[in-house]
């Protein structure tokens, strides 16, 4: 039996324009789009609300927040995944690349962090196979260069895991995201209790670790992305030399470049630039790096990520639309552009033949209010 839904009297957000019209979904696929405000019998009257492609999120570590809701408080993996899934559906995100750290520090229980990537991936895949997830989940391995176990953890993954993204991270203090070491100290000591002596020892430990294993781990990350058939991403590029290195590795996406110079270099090399929605909404980076709004005004922002606030993704896309005077363009940064960056050609646009991942929202006093979310034609929020 055919399952068909007609959405009428909507403001359809297409790739290049917003127009009044209707959209038909048949068996989870968009089958017709028409212009006009009429409401046929049996159609859902959207009363002028916006109808957009579902949001595509390439980088969120939100699941880790559910795994550790308070410092040193662990939560069951399956419960954390399901809570994360429902939160994203409620934020209008219909496709997510769950960012999972690979590379751990295990030699020092006081300053270390345990491995979890293989178990988490198995849990996500198991929940997906059991039909427990409301939206489309993919895996993004965040390879921490400044760690002890990166290579052995990467070796636990194969092409059967269908890894979508592998990103290179190096959170050694004094460079990239944390050029200002005081920002690194505020960030880490805000989560962990260190005496001044312990803090100094921890920073020195990280310097030694990066000097000893950094080059080896970076090469292993590039090789793993190639072996797994994943999109390779850089993280926190700061200098033009770092962008040149990223380009030589085959990086396609630059997550959160920290300077205008790095963003310019990415643009010149054809590397798509991702900036964080919280950066845009708050008016600046919490680490003191380049503001997303500045890059938007310089035409150096291609994709938005919710990063650590899922509800911020739609809000930031609408804000970008205001900056550019073009809502369709703003929404592309969270729909078509991220889908294209990872070769998901079946979603990200309202177009006949596309997967019916759709959201309905209104805008009140400049703030989007999400009304409903559909994943493959099924209402999930």
Protein backbone atom coordinates (compact mmCIF):
# COMPACT_ATOMS: atom_id res chain seq x y z
CA UNK A 1 0.00 0.00 0.00
CA UNK A 2 1.36 3.41 -0.99
CA UNK A 3 2.05 5.86 1.83
CA UNK A 4 1.61 9.43 0.61
CA UNK A 5 1.66 12.80 2.39
CA UNK A 6 1.00 16.20 0.84
CA UNK A 7 2.43 19.31 2.50
CA UNK A 8 0.66 22.44 1.26
CA UNK A 9 0.64 26.20 1.86
CA UNK A 10 4.32 26.09 2.82
CA UNK A 11 7.30 28.31 2.19
CA UNK A 12 9.61 25.82 0.51
CA UNK A 13 13.32 26.43 1.08
CA UNK A 14 14.96 25.30 -2.14
CA UNK A 15 18.66 25.49 -2.98
CA UNK A 16 18.53 29.03 -4.36
CA UNK A 17 15.17 30.48 -3.37
CA UNK A 18 12.19 30.36 -1.04
CA UNK A 19 8.81 30.02 -2.68
CA UNK A 20 5.21 29.36 -1.70
CA UNK A 21 4.20 25.88 -2.70
CA UNK A 22 3.41 22.28 -1.90
CA UNK A 23 5.44 19.10 -1.69
CA UNK A 24 4.39 15.46 -2.03
CA UNK A 25 6.11 12.55 -0.27
CA UNK A 26 5.45 8.99 -1.42
CA UNK A 27 6.93 6.04 0.45
CA UNK A 28 9.66 8.17 2.02
CA UNK A 29 10.72 9.94 -1.19
CA UNK A 30 9.87 13.41 -2.54
CA UNK A 31 7.72 12.80 -5.63
CA UNK A 32 6.32 16.22 -6.54
CA UNK A 33 6.88 19.93 -5.89
CA UNK A 34 4.45 22.61 -7.06
CA UNK A 35 4.24 26.37 -6.70
CA UNK A 36 1.17 28.05 -5.20
CA UNK A 37 -0.60 28.43 -1.87
CA UNK A 38 -3.61 26.20 -2.53
CA UNK A 39 -4.44 23.37 -0.10
CA UNK A 40 -5.75 20.23 -1.85
CA UNK A 41 -8.12 17.88 -0.05
CA UNK A 42 -6.23 15.62 2.33
CA UNK A 43 -3.12 17.80 2.43
CA UNK A 44 -1.42 19.05 5.58
CA UNK A 45 -1.86 22.83 5.71
CA UNK A 46 1.46 24.29 6.92
CA UNK A 47 -0.16 27.75 7.23
CA UNK A 48 2.84 29.50 5.70
CA UNK A 49 5.50 27.80 7.83
CA UNK A 50 8.88 27.02 6.28
CA UNK A 51 9.55 23.55 4.89
CA UNK A 52 13.23 22.73 4.58
CA UNK A 53 15.45 19.71 4.01
CA UNK A 54 16.40 18.03 7.27
CA UNK A 55 19.65 19.26 8.77
CA UNK A 56 22.88 17.36 8.10
CA UNK A 57 25.36 17.43 11.01
CA UNK A 58 28.96 16.42 10.24
CA UNK A 59 30.57 17.00 13.63
CA UNK A 60 28.90 16.75 16.99
CA UNK A 61 30.33 15.23 20.13
CA UNK A 62 26.94 15.63 21.80
CA UNK A 63 26.76 11.89 22.46
CA UNK A 64 29.72 12.27 24.84
CA UNK A 65 27.67 14.68 26.93
CA UNK A 66 25.08 11.96 27.35
CA UNK A 67 27.80 9.42 28.18
CA UNK A 68 29.12 11.63 30.96
CA UNK A 69 26.26 13.88 32.11
CA UNK A 70 28.44 15.11 34.99
CA UNK A 71 32.19 14.85 35.55
CA UNK A 72 33.13 11.26 36.50
CA UNK A 73 29.53 10.10 36.08
CA UNK A 74 29.21 7.38 33.40
CA UNK A 75 25.92 6.58 31.67
CA UNK A 76 25.01 3.33 29.84
CA UNK A 77 26.00 3.50 26.17
CA UNK A 78 22.66 2.42 24.70
CA UNK A 79 20.70 4.84 26.88
CA UNK A 80 23.08 7.67 25.97
CA UNK A 81 22.74 6.96 22.24
CA UNK A 82 18.95 6.88 22.35
CA UNK A 83 18.78 10.14 24.31
CA UNK A 84 21.22 11.75 21.86
CA UNK A 85 19.16 10.49 18.89
CA UNK A 86 15.92 11.94 20.25
CA UNK A 87 17.57 15.26 21.05
CA UNK A 88 18.87 15.61 17.50
CA UNK A 89 15.49 14.74 15.98
CA UNK A 90 13.98 17.44 18.19
CA UNK A 91 16.54 19.91 16.84
CA UNK A 92 15.67 19.18 13.19
CA UNK A 93 18.80 17.11 12.50
CA UNK A 94 17.93 14.14 10.32
CA UNK A 95 21.45 12.98 9.40
CA UNK A 96 24.29 12.96 11.90
CA UNK A 97 27.92 11.93 11.81
CA UNK A 98 28.48 11.02 15.44
CA UNK A 99 31.96 12.27 16.37
CA UNK A 100 33.71 9.57 18.39
CA UNK A 101 37.23 10.03 19.73
CA UNK A 102 39.90 7.51 18.80
CA UNK A 103 43.19 7.78 20.65
CA UNK A 104 43.36 7.62 24.43
CA UNK A 105 45.75 8.29 27.28
CA UNK A 106 45.93 5.21 29.48
CA UNK A 107 49.28 5.42 31.30
CA UNK A 108 48.12 8.06 33.80
CA UNK A 109 44.77 7.41 35.46
CA UNK A 110 44.74 10.91 36.90
CA UNK A 111 45.08 12.78 33.61
CA UNK A 112 44.07 10.11 31.13
CA UNK A 113 40.90 9.22 29.34
CA UNK A 114 39.90 5.68 28.36
CA UNK A 115 39.20 4.22 24.93
CA UNK A 116 35.57 3.82 23.96
CA UNK A 117 35.30 4.23 20.17
CA UNK A 118 34.93 0.58 19.19
CA UNK A 119 32.27 -0.11 21.82
CA UNK A 120 30.37 3.06 20.98
CA UNK A 121 30.41 2.29 17.26
CA UNK A 122 29.10 -1.22 17.93
CA UNK A 123 26.31 0.20 20.07
CA UNK A 124 25.28 2.73 17.41
CA UNK A 125 25.32 0.10 14.68
CA UNK A 126 23.37 -2.29 16.90
CA UNK A 127 20.74 0.33 17.71
CA UNK A 128 20.46 1.18 14.02
CA UNK A 129 20.07 -2.48 13.02
CA UNK A 130 17.38 -2.94 15.68
CA UNK A 131 15.39 0.01 14.31
CA UNK A 132 15.73 1.99 17.54
CA UNK A 133 17.06 5.21 16.03
CA UNK A 134 14.78 7.93 14.68
CA UNK A 135 17.30 9.60 12.37
CA UNK A 136 20.16 8.52 10.08
CA UNK A 137 23.40 7.93 12.03
CA UNK A 138 26.90 7.69 10.54
CA UNK A 139 30.31 7.45 12.19
CA UNK A 140 32.94 10.19 12.38
CA UNK A 141 36.22 9.08 13.96
CA UNK A 142 38.01 11.99 15.64
CA UNK A 143 41.65 10.89 15.64
CA UNK A 144 43.50 12.50 18.55
CA UNK A 145 47.13 12.85 17.48
CA UNK A 146 48.25 13.76 21.01
CA UNK A 147 47.38 10.37 22.53
CA UNK A 148 48.96 7.02 23.28
CA UNK A 149 46.69 4.44 21.65
CA UNK A 150 45.62 6.01 18.36
CA UNK A 151 47.11 3.47 15.96
CA UNK A 152 45.80 0.41 17.78
CA UNK A 153 42.34 1.98 18.04
CA UNK A 154 42.24 2.87 14.33
CA UNK A 155 43.22 -0.71 13.53
CA UNK A 156 40.02 -1.92 15.23
CA UNK A 157 37.95 -0.48 12.35
CA UNK A 158 37.38 -1.89 8.88
CA UNK A 159 35.43 -1.01 5.76
CA UNK A 160 32.50 -3.00 7.18
CA UNK A 161 32.01 -0.22 9.73
CA UNK A 162 31.21 2.25 6.91
CA UNK A 163 33.11 5.11 8.54
CA UNK A 164 32.03 8.36 6.90
CA UNK A 165 34.60 10.85 8.20
CA UNK A 166 38.03 10.62 9.80
CA UNK A 167 39.34 13.90 11.22
CA UNK A 168 42.83 14.74 12.50
CA UNK A 169 42.88 16.51 15.84
CA UNK A 170 45.84 17.75 17.81
CA UNK A 171 44.91 19.39 21.08
CA UNK A 172 48.46 19.89 22.30
CA UNK A 173 48.43 23.21 24.19
CA UNK A 174 50.11 26.21 22.57
CA UNK A 175 48.94 25.59 19.00
CA UNK A 176 45.84 25.25 16.80
CA UNK A 177 42.70 25.65 18.91
CA UNK A 178 44.68 26.52 22.02
CA UNK A 179 47.39 28.92 20.86
CA UNK A 180 46.50 30.79 24.03
CA UNK A 181 47.47 28.26 26.70
CA UNK A 182 45.39 30.06 29.30
CA UNK A 183 42.26 29.14 27.29
CA UNK A 184 43.37 25.50 27.36
CA UNK A 185 43.89 25.70 31.11
CA UNK A 186 40.46 27.23 31.66
CA UNK A 187 38.85 24.54 29.50
CA UNK A 188 40.58 21.53 31.09
CA UNK A 189 40.70 22.68 34.69
CA UNK A 190 37.03 23.57 34.41
CA UNK A 191 36.36 19.86 33.95
CA UNK A 192 39.07 18.34 36.17
CA UNK A 193 40.57 19.19 39.52
CA UNK A 194 44.31 19.82 39.23
CA UNK A 195 46.73 21.37 41.67
CA UNK A 196 49.19 23.81 40.11
CA UNK A 197 51.88 21.14 40.29
CA UNK A 198 49.67 18.52 38.65
CA UNK A 199 48.67 20.96 35.94
CA UNK A 200 52.27 21.77 35.03
CA UNK A 201 53.15 18.07 34.91
CA UNK A 202 50.15 17.36 32.66
CA UNK A 203 51.09 20.04 30.14
CA UNK A 204 54.69 18.78 30.00
CA UNK A 205 53.39 15.24 29.51
CA UNK A 206 51.32 16.38 26.51
CA UNK A 207 54.29 18.18 24.96
CA UNK A 208 56.42 15.03 25.26
CA UNK A 209 53.65 12.85 23.87
CA UNK A 210 53.13 15.03 20.81
CA UNK A 211 56.87 15.26 20.14
CA UNK A 212 57.26 11.48 20.39
CA UNK A 213 54.19 10.28 18.51
CA UNK A 214 52.64 13.24 16.67
CA UNK A 215 54.17 12.69 13.22
CA UNK A 216 53.58 8.95 13.36
CA UNK A 217 49.97 9.39 14.44
CA UNK A 218 49.23 11.97 11.76
CA UNK A 219 50.48 9.60 9.05
CA UNK A 220 48.44 6.75 10.53
CA UNK A 221 45.29 8.89 10.48
CA UNK A 222 45.70 9.75 6.80
CA UNK A 223 46.32 6.09 5.98
CA UNK A 224 43.28 4.97 7.99
CA UNK A 225 40.96 7.40 6.20
CA UNK A 226 42.16 6.06 2.87
CA UNK A 227 41.83 2.43 3.98
CA UNK A 228 38.31 3.01 5.33
CA UNK A 229 37.15 5.02 2.31
CA UNK A 230 36.24 7.95 4.57
CA UNK A 231 36.26 11.68 3.92
CA UNK A 232 39.39 13.13 5.54
CA UNK A 233 38.98 16.30 7.59
CA UNK A 234 41.46 18.58 9.31
CA UNK A 235 40.77 20.22 12.65
CA UNK A 236 41.68 23.69 13.90
CA UNK A 237 44.05 24.64 11.06
CA UNK A 238 45.73 27.89 12.09
CA UNK A 239 48.46 28.67 9.53
CA UNK A 240 48.72 28.56 5.75
CA UNK A 241 51.42 25.89 6.13
CA UNK A 242 49.02 23.68 8.07
CA UNK A 243 46.39 24.10 5.34
CA UNK A 244 48.99 23.24 2.68
CA UNK A 245 49.79 20.06 4.61
CA UNK A 246 46.09 19.25 4.92
CA UNK A 247 45.66 19.71 1.18
CA UNK A 248 48.62 17.40 0.47
CA UNK A 249 46.95 14.72 2.58
CA UNK A 250 43.72 14.94 0.59
CA UNK A 251 41.67 16.79 3.21
CA UNK A 252 38.25 17.82 1.83
CA UNK A 253 36.77 19.50 4.90
CA UNK A 254 38.41 21.87 7.40
CA UNK A 255 36.72 21.85 10.78
CA UNK A 256 36.89 25.13 12.65
CA UNK A 257 39.91 26.93 11.15
CA UNK A 258 41.09 29.34 13.82
CA UNK A 259 42.32 32.28 11.69
CA UNK A 260 41.33 34.28 8.64
CA UNK A 261 44.60 33.24 7.01
CA UNK A 262 43.74 29.55 7.38
CA UNK A 263 40.20 30.09 6.07
CA UNK A 264 41.55 32.01 3.06
CA UNK A 265 44.00 29.20 2.33
CA UNK A 266 41.22 26.60 2.57
CA UNK A 267 39.11 28.60 0.13
CA UNK A 268 42.03 28.82 -2.31
CA UNK A 269 42.60 25.05 -2.12
CA UNK A 270 38.92 24.13 -2.51
CA UNK A 271 38.64 22.77 1.03
CA UNK A 272 35.18 23.29 2.52
CA UNK A 273 35.23 25.24 5.78
CA UNK A 274 33.09 24.22 8.76
CA UNK A 275 32.42 26.68 11.57
CA UNK A 276 30.54 26.13 14.80
CA UNK A 277 26.99 27.33 15.31
CA UNK A 278 27.76 28.32 18.93
CA UNK A 279 30.56 30.58 17.67
CA UNK A 280 28.11 32.37 15.37
CA UNK A 281 25.30 32.64 17.93
CA UNK A 282 27.56 33.79 20.78
CA UNK A 283 29.38 36.28 18.58
CA UNK A 284 32.78 34.65 18.88
CA UNK A 285 34.88 31.60 19.68
CA UNK A 286 35.08 30.38 23.28
CA UNK A 287 38.79 29.71 22.61
CA UNK A 288 39.45 33.25 21.41
CA UNK A 289 39.83 32.29 17.74
CA UNK A 290 38.31 33.82 14.61
CA UNK A 291 34.59 34.63 14.73
CA UNK A 292 32.31 32.66 12.43
CA UNK A 293 30.39 35.83 11.56
CA UNK A 294 33.59 37.44 10.29
CA UNK A 295 34.26 34.49 8.00
CA UNK A 296 30.65 34.56 6.79
CA UNK A 297 30.98 38.21 5.81
CA UNK A 298 34.21 37.38 3.95
CA UNK A 299 32.54 34.48 2.10
CA UNK A 300 34.77 31.96 3.87
CA UNK A 301 32.11 29.87 5.62
CA UNK A 302 30.70 26.87 3.76
CA UNK A 303 29.17 24.57 6.39
CA UNK A 304 27.84 24.96 9.91
CA UNK A 305 28.10 22.37 12.68
CA UNK A 306 26.15 22.40 15.92
CA UNK A 307 29.37 21.23 17.62
CA UNK A 308 28.18 20.91 21.23
CA UNK A 309 24.68 22.50 21.03
CA UNK A 310 22.34 20.56 18.70
CA UNK A 311 19.58 23.17 18.93
CA UNK A 312 22.01 25.80 17.68
CA UNK A 313 22.26 24.42 14.15
CA UNK A 314 18.93 25.68 12.80
CA UNK A 315 19.25 28.90 14.78
CA UNK A 316 22.68 29.65 13.30
CA UNK A 317 21.56 28.84 9.74
CA UNK A 318 18.73 31.36 10.02
CA UNK A 319 21.19 33.88 11.48
CA UNK A 320 23.49 33.30 8.51
CA UNK A 321 20.52 33.92 6.23
CA UNK A 322 20.10 37.30 7.91
CA UNK A 323 23.81 38.13 7.51
CA UNK A 324 23.73 37.25 3.82
CA UNK A 325 20.19 38.53 3.17
CA UNK A 326 19.40 35.10 1.72
CA UNK A 327 17.67 32.44 3.84
CA UNK A 328 18.10 29.75 1.17
CA UNK A 329 21.86 30.31 1.19
CA UNK A 330 22.00 30.21 4.98
CA UNK A 331 20.08 26.94 5.06
CA UNK A 332 22.38 25.38 2.45
CA UNK A 333 25.19 25.45 5.02
CA UNK A 334 23.28 22.90 7.11
CA UNK A 335 21.64 20.86 4.34
CA UNK A 336 23.04 20.61 0.80
CA UNK A 337 26.61 21.71 1.54
CA UNK A 338 27.38 19.18 4.30
CA UNK A 339 25.66 16.40 2.36
CA UNK A 340 27.77 17.17 -0.70
CA UNK A 341 30.99 17.27 1.36
CA UNK A 342 30.54 13.61 2.35
CA UNK A 343 29.01 12.40 -0.94
CA UNK A 344 25.48 11.88 0.38
CA UNK A 345 23.68 12.57 -2.88
CA UNK A 346 20.23 11.33 -1.80
CA UNK A 347 19.46 14.13 0.68
CA UNK A 348 20.07 17.76 1.56
CA UNK A 349 17.70 19.36 -0.96
CA UNK A 350 13.98 19.55 -1.62
CA UNK A 351 14.02 17.89 -5.00
CA UNK A 352 12.05 15.12 -6.68
CA UNK A 353 13.70 11.76 -6.06
CA UNK A 354 15.43 12.85 -2.84
CA UNK A 355 14.99 11.13 0.50
CA UNK A 356 12.13 12.85 2.38
CA UNK A 357 14.12 14.21 5.31
CA UNK A 358 12.13 17.35 6.04
CA UNK A 359 11.63 19.88 8.81
CA UNK A 360 8.88 22.41 9.42
CA UNK A 361 9.60 25.61 11.32
CA UNK A 362 8.42 29.16 11.86
CA UNK A 363 10.53 32.23 12.64
CA UNK A 364 9.43 34.39 15.56
CA UNK A 365 11.35 37.57 16.39
CA UNK A 366 14.30 36.23 14.40
CA UNK A 367 14.39 32.90 16.22
CA UNK A 368 13.39 29.69 14.42
CA UNK A 369 10.78 27.57 16.18
CA UNK A 370 10.91 23.97 15.03
CA UNK A 371 7.47 22.41 14.63
CA UNK A 372 8.02 18.94 13.17
CA UNK A 373 10.74 16.66 11.81
CA UNK A 374 10.36 13.84 9.28
CA UNK A 375 13.04 11.25 8.50
CA UNK A 376 12.55 9.31 5.25
CA UNK A 377 8.93 10.46 5.29
CA UNK A 378 8.27 9.31 8.86
CA UNK A 379 7.48 11.90 11.51
CA UNK A 380 10.10 11.56 14.25
CA UNK A 381 9.57 14.76 16.26
